[in-house]
Amino acid sequence: MLPTPALADATIGGKTVDCYCTDRAGGRIELGETICLQVDGRMFMAQCQMSLNVPMWRKVSDGCLSSQIRQPRLDPLAVDPRIAAPKS
């Protein structure tokens, strides 16, 4: 069972500190979230987890999932100029 953010808070000097991971751009990733990481030319799915009271990335699978469906791009300006609209 993975810790929830509420259970993964740390107390430092009487203040509660949220524990979370960061992505390459420095964005906050909550504990339990899974993202695609690229390290040394390899891509894999990794989950933000706690280890010895430190947030860390744990590899969960090789390769990355993609939510994008690749469709050919249609360029409306690429119409053959020799085609004319029908005359009325």
Protein backbone atom coordinates (compact mmCIF):
# COMPACT_ATOMS: atom_id res chain seq x y z
CA MET A 1 0.00 0.00 0.00
CA LEU A 2 1.39 3.39 -0.99
CA PRO A 3 1.48 6.27 1.46
CA THR A 4 -0.95 9.07 0.85
CA PRO A 5 0.28 12.68 0.86
CA ALA A 6 -1.42 13.24 4.22
CA LEU A 7 0.52 10.30 5.74
CA ALA A 8 3.77 11.34 4.09
CA ASP A 9 4.05 14.74 5.72
CA ALA A 10 7.19 15.41 7.74
CA THR A 11 7.52 17.63 10.79
CA ILE A 12 10.56 19.90 10.91
CA GLY A 13 10.92 22.42 13.70
CA GLY A 14 7.25 22.05 14.58
CA LYS A 15 6.15 22.79 11.00
CA THR A 16 4.54 20.25 8.69
CA VAL A 17 6.32 19.79 5.36
CA ASP A 18 4.58 18.15 2.38
CA CYS A 19 6.54 15.37 0.71
CA TYR A 20 6.39 15.18 -3.09
CA CYS A 21 8.57 14.50 -6.14
CA THR A 22 9.51 16.92 -8.90
CA ASP A 23 9.66 16.43 -12.65
CA ARG A 24 12.49 17.62 -14.93
CA ALA A 25 10.94 21.10 -15.16
CA GLY A 26 10.61 21.38 -11.36
CA GLY A 27 6.85 20.75 -11.37
CA ARG A 28 5.30 19.16 -8.29
CA ILE A 29 4.28 15.50 -8.63
CA GLU A 30 2.25 14.07 -5.74
CA LEU A 31 3.09 10.76 -4.05
CA GLY A 32 1.55 7.84 -5.93
CA GLU A 33 1.45 9.65 -9.30
CA THR A 34 3.12 7.94 -12.27
CA ILE A 35 4.86 9.79 -15.11
CA CYS A 36 7.19 9.04 -18.02
CA LEU A 37 10.85 9.71 -17.21
CA GLN A 38 13.78 9.92 -19.62
CA VAL A 39 17.17 9.17 -18.07
CA ASP A 40 20.39 8.54 -20.02
CA GLY A 41 18.42 8.05 -23.24
CA ARG A 42 16.06 5.46 -21.71
CA MET A 43 12.34 6.12 -21.27
CA PHE A 44 10.28 4.39 -18.60
CA MET A 45 7.24 4.84 -16.38
CA ALA A 46 8.10 5.80 -12.78
CA GLN A 47 6.01 6.38 -9.68
CA CYS A 48 6.66 8.94 -6.95
CA GLN A 49 7.16 6.97 -3.71
CA MET A 50 8.73 7.35 -0.27
CA SER A 51 11.93 5.51 0.71
CA LEU A 52 13.52 6.05 4.13
CA ASN A 53 11.51 9.27 4.58
CA VAL A 54 12.71 10.66 1.24
CA PRO A 55 10.52 11.07 -1.87
CA MET A 56 12.03 9.19 -4.82
CA TRP A 57 11.17 7.83 -8.28
CA ARG A 58 10.67 4.06 -8.62
CA LYS A 59 10.62 2.47 -12.09
CA VAL A 60 7.35 0.58 -12.64
CA SER A 61 7.65 -0.42 -16.33
CA ASP A 62 9.83 -0.10 -19.43
CA GLY A 63 8.75 2.35 -22.12
CA CYS A 64 6.18 5.10 -21.80
CA LEU A 65 2.46 5.23 -22.39
CA SER A 66 1.14 7.90 -24.69
CA SER A 67 -2.28 9.49 -24.59
CA GLN A 68 -1.79 11.07 -28.00
CA ILE A 69 -3.30 9.38 -31.01
CA ARG A 70 -1.12 10.08 -33.99
CA GLN A 71 -3.21 11.31 -36.89
CA PRO A 72 -1.94 12.73 -40.14
CA ARG A 73 -1.93 16.52 -40.08
CA LEU A 74 -3.96 18.12 -42.80
CA ASP A 75 -2.59 21.36 -44.15
CA PRO A 76 -5.48 23.42 -45.57
CA LEU A 77 -3.01 25.53 -47.53
CA ALA A 78 -1.62 22.49 -49.33
CA VAL A 79 -4.53 22.35 -51.80
CA ASP A 80 -3.46 22.15 -55.44
CA PRO A 81 -3.89 25.71 -56.82
CA ARG A 82 -4.99 24.30 -60.20
CA ILE A 83 -8.22 23.07 -58.64
CA ALA A 84 -10.86 25.74 -59.05
CA ALA A 85 -14.20 26.11 -57.35
CA PRO A 86 -17.12 25.10 -59.56
CA LYS A 87 -18.58 28.04 -61.49
CA SER A 88 -22.25 28.78 -61.07
